[in-house]
C-alpha atoms as a PDB file:
ATOM      1  CA  MET A   1      17.534  21.686  -2.734  1.00  0.00           C
ATOM      2  CA  THR A   2      17.121  18.365  -4.446  1.00  0.00           C
ATOM      3  CA  PRO A   3      15.642  15.132  -3.476  1.00  0.00           C
ATOM      4  CA  GLU A   4      18.768  13.669  -3.529  1.00  0.00           C
ATOM      5  CA  LEU A   5      20.381  15.757  -0.821  1.00  0.00           C
ATOM      6  CA  LEU A   6      17.491  14.966   1.211  1.00  0.00           C
ATOM      7  CA  MET A   7      17.890  11.467   1.130  1.00  0.00           C
ATOM      8  CA  GLU A   8      21.748  11.405   1.592  1.00  0.00           C
ATOM      9  CA  HIS A   9      20.922  13.604   4.513  1.00  0.00           C
ATOM     10  CA  LEU A  10      18.320  11.187   5.945  1.00  0.00           C
ATOM     11  CA  GLU A  11      20.463   8.045   5.324  1.00  0.00           C
ATOM     12  CA  GLN A  12      23.138   9.849   7.731  1.00  0.00           C
ATOM     13  CA  TYR A  13      20.358  10.891  10.013  1.00  0.00           C
ATOM     14  CA  LEU A  14      18.778   7.506  10.672  1.00  0.00           C
ATOM     15  CA  GLN A  15      22.237   5.581  10.938  1.00  0.00           C
ATOM     16  CA  GLU A  16      23.150   8.016  13.646  1.00  0.00           C
ATOM     17  CA  ILE A  17      19.791   7.363  15.582  1.00  0.00           C
ATOM     18  CA  THR A  18      19.578   3.689  15.064  1.00  0.00           C
ATOM     19  CA  LYS A  19      22.983   3.002  15.592  1.00  0.00           C
ATOM     20  CA  ASN A  20      22.421   1.206  19.082  1.00  0.00           C
ATOM     21  CA  ILE A  21      19.103  -0.294  18.263  1.00  0.00           C
ATOM     22  CA  LEU A  22      19.739  -4.223  18.181  1.00  0.00           C
ATOM     23  CA  LEU A  23      16.700  -6.062  16.734  1.00  0.00           C
ATOM     24  CA  GLY A  24      15.897  -9.544  16.229  1.00  0.00           C
ATOM     25  CA  ASP A  25      17.793 -12.662  17.685  1.00  0.00           C
ATOM     26  CA  HIS A  26      21.139 -11.836  16.200  1.00  0.00           C
ATOM     27  CA  LYS A  27      20.668  -8.223  18.021  1.00  0.00           C
ATOM     28  CA  THR A  28      21.904  -6.029  15.127  1.00  0.00           C
ATOM     29  CA  PRO A  29      21.337  -2.206  14.219  1.00  0.00           C
ATOM     30  CA  PRO A  30      19.467  -1.704  11.214  1.00  0.00           C
ATOM     31  CA  ASN A  31      20.753  -1.283   7.576  1.00  0.00           C
ATOM     32  CA  ILE A  32      19.733   1.873   5.965  1.00  0.00           C
ATOM     33  CA  TYR A  33      19.120   1.818   2.179  1.00  0.00           C
ATOM     34  CA  LYS A  34      18.052   4.291  -0.291  1.00  0.00           C
ATOM     35  CA  VAL A  35      15.467   3.307  -2.926  1.00  0.00           C
ATOM     36  CA  ASP A  36      15.418  -0.319  -2.475  1.00  0.00           C
ATOM     37  CA  LEU A  37      17.185  -3.514  -1.032  1.00  0.00           C
ATOM     38  CA  PRO A  38      20.340  -4.668  -2.524  1.00  0.00           C
ATOM     39  CA  ALA A  39      20.464  -7.964  -3.730  1.00  0.00           C
ATOM     40  CA  LEU A  40      20.920 -10.930  -1.586  1.00  0.00           C
ATOM     41  CA  ALA A  41      24.360 -12.585  -1.142  1.00  0.00           C
ATOM     42  CA  THR A  42      24.784 -15.827  -2.964  1.00  0.00           C
ATOM     43  CA  PRO A  43      27.137 -18.649  -1.820  1.00  0.00           C
ATOM     44  CA  GLU A  44      30.355 -19.002  -3.347  1.00  0.00           C
ATOM     45  CA  TYR A  45      31.204 -21.554  -5.879  1.00  0.00           C
ATOM     46  CA  ASP A  46      34.564 -22.943  -6.400  1.00  0.00           C
ATOM     47  CA  GLU A  47      35.365 -22.360 -10.065  1.00  0.00           C
ATOM     48  CA  GLY A  48      37.855 -25.330 -10.409  1.00  0.00           C
ATOM     49  CA  GLU A  49      35.537 -27.725  -9.518  1.00  0.00           C
ATOM     50  CA  THR A  50      34.845 -30.265 -12.799  1.00  0.00           C
ATOM     51  CA  ASP A  51      32.129 -32.464 -11.600  1.00  0.00           C
ATOM     52  CA  ILE A  52      28.929 -31.627 -13.006  1.00  0.00           C
ATOM     53  CA  LYS A  53      26.393 -31.555 -10.418  1.00  0.00           C
ATOM     54  CA  PRO A  54      22.584 -31.222 -10.687  1.00  0.00           C
ATOM     55  CA  ILE A  55      21.395 -27.224 -10.196  1.00  0.00           C
ATOM     56  CA  ASN A  56      19.745 -26.670  -6.658  1.00  0.00           C
ATOM     57  CA  SER A  57      17.115 -24.130  -7.708  1.00  0.00           C
ATOM     58  CA  THR A  58      16.496 -22.974  -4.105  1.00  0.00           C
ATOM     59  CA  LEU A  59      18.980 -21.124  -1.785  1.00  0.00           C
ATOM     60  CA  PRO A  60      19.694 -22.946   2.074  1.00  0.00           C
ATOM     61  CA  LYS A  61      17.609 -21.541   4.365  1.00  0.00           C
ATOM     62  CA  GLN A  62      20.159 -18.925   5.947  1.00  0.00           C
ATOM     63  CA  ARG A  63      20.016 -15.456   7.930  1.00  0.00           C
ATOM     64  CA  ASP A  64      19.346 -12.691   5.303  1.00  0.00           C
ATOM     65  CA  GLU A  65      22.009 -10.241   5.976  1.00  0.00           C
ATOM     66  CA  ARG A  66      19.924  -7.322   4.847  1.00  0.00           C
ATOM     67  CA  PHE A  67      17.647  -7.408   7.611  1.00  0.00           C
ATOM     68  CA  PRO A  68      16.890  -5.708  10.006  1.00  0.00           C
ATOM     69  CA  PHE A  69      16.381  -2.182   7.526  1.00  0.00           C
ATOM     70  CA  ILE A  70      14.851   0.922   6.734  1.00  0.00           C
ATOM     71  CA  ILE A  71      14.611   1.883   3.163  1.00  0.00           C
ATOM     72  CA  ILE A  72      14.472   5.443   2.380  1.00  0.00           C
ATOM     73  CA  ALA A  73      12.427   6.221  -1.060  1.00  0.00           C
ATOM     74  CA  PHE A  74      11.683   9.402  -2.766  1.00  0.00           C
ATOM     75  CA  SER A  75       8.159   9.156  -4.342  1.00  0.00           C
ATOM     76  CA  ASP A  76       6.495  12.709  -5.381  1.00  0.00           C
ATOM     77  CA  ALA A  77       7.576  16.580  -5.237  1.00  0.00           C
ATOM     78  CA  GLU A  78       5.472  19.493  -5.877  1.00  0.00           C
ATOM     79  CA  ASP A  79       6.656  23.220  -6.177  1.00  0.00           C
ATOM     80  CA  ASN A  80       4.066  25.999  -5.327  1.00  0.00           C
ATOM     81  CA  GLU A  81       3.308  29.747  -5.361  1.00  0.00           C
ATOM     82  CA  GLU A  82       5.196  30.413  -1.986  1.00  0.00           C
ATOM     83  CA  GLY A  83       8.180  29.744  -3.121  1.00  0.00           C
ATOM     84  CA  PHE A  84       9.058  26.212  -1.665  1.00  0.00           C
ATOM     85  CA  GLN A  85       8.300  22.861  -2.802  1.00  0.00           C
ATOM     86  CA  THR A  86       7.130  19.844  -0.929  1.00  0.00           C
ATOM     87  CA  LEU A  87       8.847  16.665  -0.759  1.00  0.00           C
ATOM     88  CA  GLN A  88       7.275  13.200  -0.230  1.00  0.00           C
ATOM     89  CA  VAL A  89       9.945  10.767   1.396  1.00  0.00           C
ATOM     90  CA  ASP A  90       8.505   7.131   2.240  1.00  0.00           C
ATOM     91  CA  PHE A  91      10.295   4.616   4.628  1.00  0.00           C
ATOM     92  CA  VAL A  92       9.765   1.038   4.342  1.00  0.00           C
ATOM     93  CA  PHE A  93      10.820  -0.813   7.605  1.00  0.00           C
ATOM     94  CA  GLY A  94      11.594  -4.651   8.214  1.00  0.00           C
ATOM     95  CA  CYS A  95      12.660  -7.102  10.731  1.00  0.00           C
ATOM     96  CA  GLU A  96      13.125 -10.498  10.408  1.00  0.00           C
ATOM     97  CA  GLY A  97      11.272 -13.373  12.231  1.00  0.00           C
ATOM     98  CA  GLY A  98       7.796 -14.768  12.687  1.00  0.00           C
ATOM     99  CA  GLY A  99       5.585 -13.983  15.538  1.00  0.00           C
ATOM    100  CA  ARG A 100       5.312 -11.206  18.067  1.00  0.00           C
ATOM    101  CA  ASP A 101       9.161 -10.527  18.553  1.00  0.00           C
ATOM    102  CA  ALA A 102       9.208  -9.417  14.904  1.00  0.00           C
ATOM    103  CA  TYR A 103       6.079  -7.710  14.799  1.00  0.00           C
ATOM    104  CA  MET A 104       7.170  -5.523  18.168  1.00  0.00           C
ATOM    105  CA  ASP A 105      10.630  -4.970  16.441  1.00  0.00           C
ATOM    106  CA  VAL A 106       9.268  -3.175  13.373  1.00  0.00           C
ATOM    107  CA  LEU A 107       6.935  -1.214  15.399  1.00  0.00           C
ATOM    108  CA  HIS A 108       9.640   0.204  17.857  1.00  0.00           C
ATOM    109  CA  LEU A 109      11.820   0.902  14.772  1.00  0.00           C
ATOM    110  CA  ILE A 110       9.215   3.129  13.379  1.00  0.00           C
ATOM    111  CA  GLU A 111       8.167   4.868  16.463  1.00  0.00           C
ATOM    112  CA  THR A 112      11.857   5.658  17.344  1.00  0.00           C
ATOM    113  CA  VAL A 113      11.911   7.206  13.846  1.00  0.00           C
ATOM    114  CA  ARG A 114       8.863   9.050  14.571  1.00  0.00           C
ATOM    115  CA  MET A 115       9.631  10.348  17.792  1.00  0.00           C
ATOM    116  CA  ALA A 116      13.458  11.422  16.490  1.00  0.00           C
ATOM    117  CA  PHE A 117      11.994  13.656  13.450  1.00  0.00           C
ATOM    118  CA  LEU A 118       9.336  15.250  15.985  1.00  0.00           C
ATOM    119  CA  ARG A 119      12.084  16.301  18.202  1.00  0.00           C
ATOM    120  CA  GLU A 120      14.508  17.327  15.675  1.00  0.00           C
ATOM    121  CA  THR A 121      14.791  21.121  15.279  1.00  0.00           C
ATOM    122  CA  TYR A 122      16.208  20.735  11.469  1.00  0.00           C
ATOM    123  CA  ASP A 123      18.541  23.624  11.822  1.00  0.00           C
ATOM    124  CA  GLY A 124      20.930  23.014   8.996  1.00  0.00           C
ATOM    125  CA  TRP A 125      18.850  20.222   7.429  1.00  0.00           C
ATOM    126  CA  PRO A 126      18.503  21.114   3.513  1.00  0.00           C
ATOM    127  CA  ALA A 127      14.271  20.650   4.612  1.00  0.00           C
ATOM    128  CA  ARG A 128      11.936  20.495   6.975  1.00  0.00           C
ATOM    129  CA  LEU A 129       9.578  17.914   8.199  1.00  0.00           C
ATOM    130  CA  THR A 130       5.700  18.541   8.123  1.00  0.00           C
ATOM    131  CA  LEU A 131       2.644  17.002   9.887  1.00  0.00           C
ATOM    132  CA  PRO A 132       1.272  14.744   9.298  1.00  0.00           C
ATOM    133  CA  ILE A 133       3.283  11.624   9.313  1.00  0.00           C
ATOM    134  CA  HIS A 134       1.705   8.513   8.285  1.00  0.00           C
ATOM    135  CA  ARG A 135       2.748   4.941   9.463  1.00  0.00           C
ATOM    136  CA  GLY A 136       1.394   1.804  10.003  1.00  0.00           C
ATOM    137  CA  LEU A 137       2.195  -2.034   9.291  1.00  0.00           C
ATOM    138  CA  ASN A 138       1.692  -3.477   5.603  1.00  0.00           C
ATOM    139  CA  GLN A 139      -1.563  -5.447   5.313  1.00  0.00           C
ATOM    140  CA  GLU A 140       0.155  -8.786   3.744  1.00  0.00           C
ATOM    141  CA  GLN A 141       3.421  -9.794   5.308  1.00  0.00           C
ATOM    142  CA  VAL A 142       6.180 -11.957   3.677  1.00  0.00           C
ATOM    143  CA  VAL A 143       6.971 -15.537   5.667  1.00  0.00           C
ATOM    144  CA  ASP A 144       9.121 -14.709   8.585  1.00  0.00           C
ATOM    145  CA  CYS A 145       9.366 -11.224   8.419  1.00  0.00           C
ATOM    146  CA  TRP A 146       7.139  -8.082   9.414  1.00  0.00           C
ATOM    147  CA  MET A 147       7.117  -4.949   7.425  1.00  0.00           C
ATOM    148  CA  GLY A 148       5.553  -1.372   8.234  1.00  0.00           C
ATOM    149  CA  TYR A 149       5.956   2.210   6.433  1.00  0.00           C
ATOM    150  CA  MET A 150       6.345   5.943   7.064  1.00  0.00           C
ATOM    151  CA  SER A 151       5.070   8.350   4.663  1.00  0.00           C
ATOM    152  CA  THR A 152       6.546  12.015   5.254  1.00  0.00           C
ATOM    153  CA  THR A 153       6.296  15.283   3.694  1.00  0.00           C
ATOM    154  CA  TRP A 154       9.181  17.570   3.425  1.00  0.00           C
ATOM    155  CA  GLU A 155       9.330  21.480   2.665  1.00  0.00           C
ATOM    156  CA  ALA A 156      12.332  22.721   1.204  1.00  0.00           C
ATOM    157  CA  PRO A 157      13.425  26.206  -0.643  1.00  0.00           C
ATOM    158  CA  SER A 158      12.345  25.892  -4.423  1.00  0.00           C
ATOM    159  CA  ILE A 159      14.018  27.268  -7.230  1.00  0.00           C
ATOM    160  CA  VAL A 160      13.676  31.483  -7.817  1.00  0.00           C
ATOM    161  CA  GLN A 161      12.344  32.409 -11.458  1.00  0.00           C
ATOM    162  CA  GLU A 162      15.218  34.416 -12.929  1.00  0.00           C
ATOM    163  CA  VAL A 163      14.616  37.604 -15.456  1.00  0.00           C
ATOM    164  CA  TRP A 164      15.276  36.842 -18.882  1.00  0.00           C
ATOM    165  CA  LYS A 165      17.413  39.168 -21.246  1.00  0.00           C
ATOM    166  CA  ASN A 166      15.461  40.467 -23.948  1.00  0.00           C
ATOM    167  CA  GLY A 167      12.284  39.618 -22.867  1.00  0.00           C
ATOM    168  CA  PHE A 168      10.077  37.466 -20.952  1.00  0.00           C
END
C-alpha cells in the first residue's frame, strides 16, 4: 500500500460523504483536492485586440470557484517492527466568507469528516484510521475566508523483507 493509493481512496470517500453538503452563500458542495489548491482561473482576454491598455495588476473581486474545499496532503510515514506502517495524512478545510457563517461552515465540514471517519468500518480500504485525530482552526485567517485542519494517522501493511539468494 502506498500513500498515493490511500490519498486516492480518501479523495473518492470525501467526495461521496460531502456531495450533499451545501456551504457558503452560493450553496455549493466542497471541492476535494490532493496536495494543493489548483491555480485560480483568470479572465479570458481577446487576442485580436490591438489597442494597448495599461496593465491592471489586480484581478477584479469575484467569487473564488475553488471554495469551499478540502485538501488531502500526505506528510509522513514510518515502518515498524510489527510489519505495518503508519501514514500521516493531513486535511486542510476552507470556506469563503467573513464572520460567523464561514466560521461555522468550516467547523461543520471538519466535524462531518471526523464523524464519518469514526463511523467507518474500513472494510476494503487500503489502510485503517488510528486515534487520536487532531483538528482545529488556523490561528491566523486569510481575509474573507476561514480555514481549519485535521491531522490523522493511518495503519497499513508494510513490505515484508524477502530472503536473498546467496547470502543475507
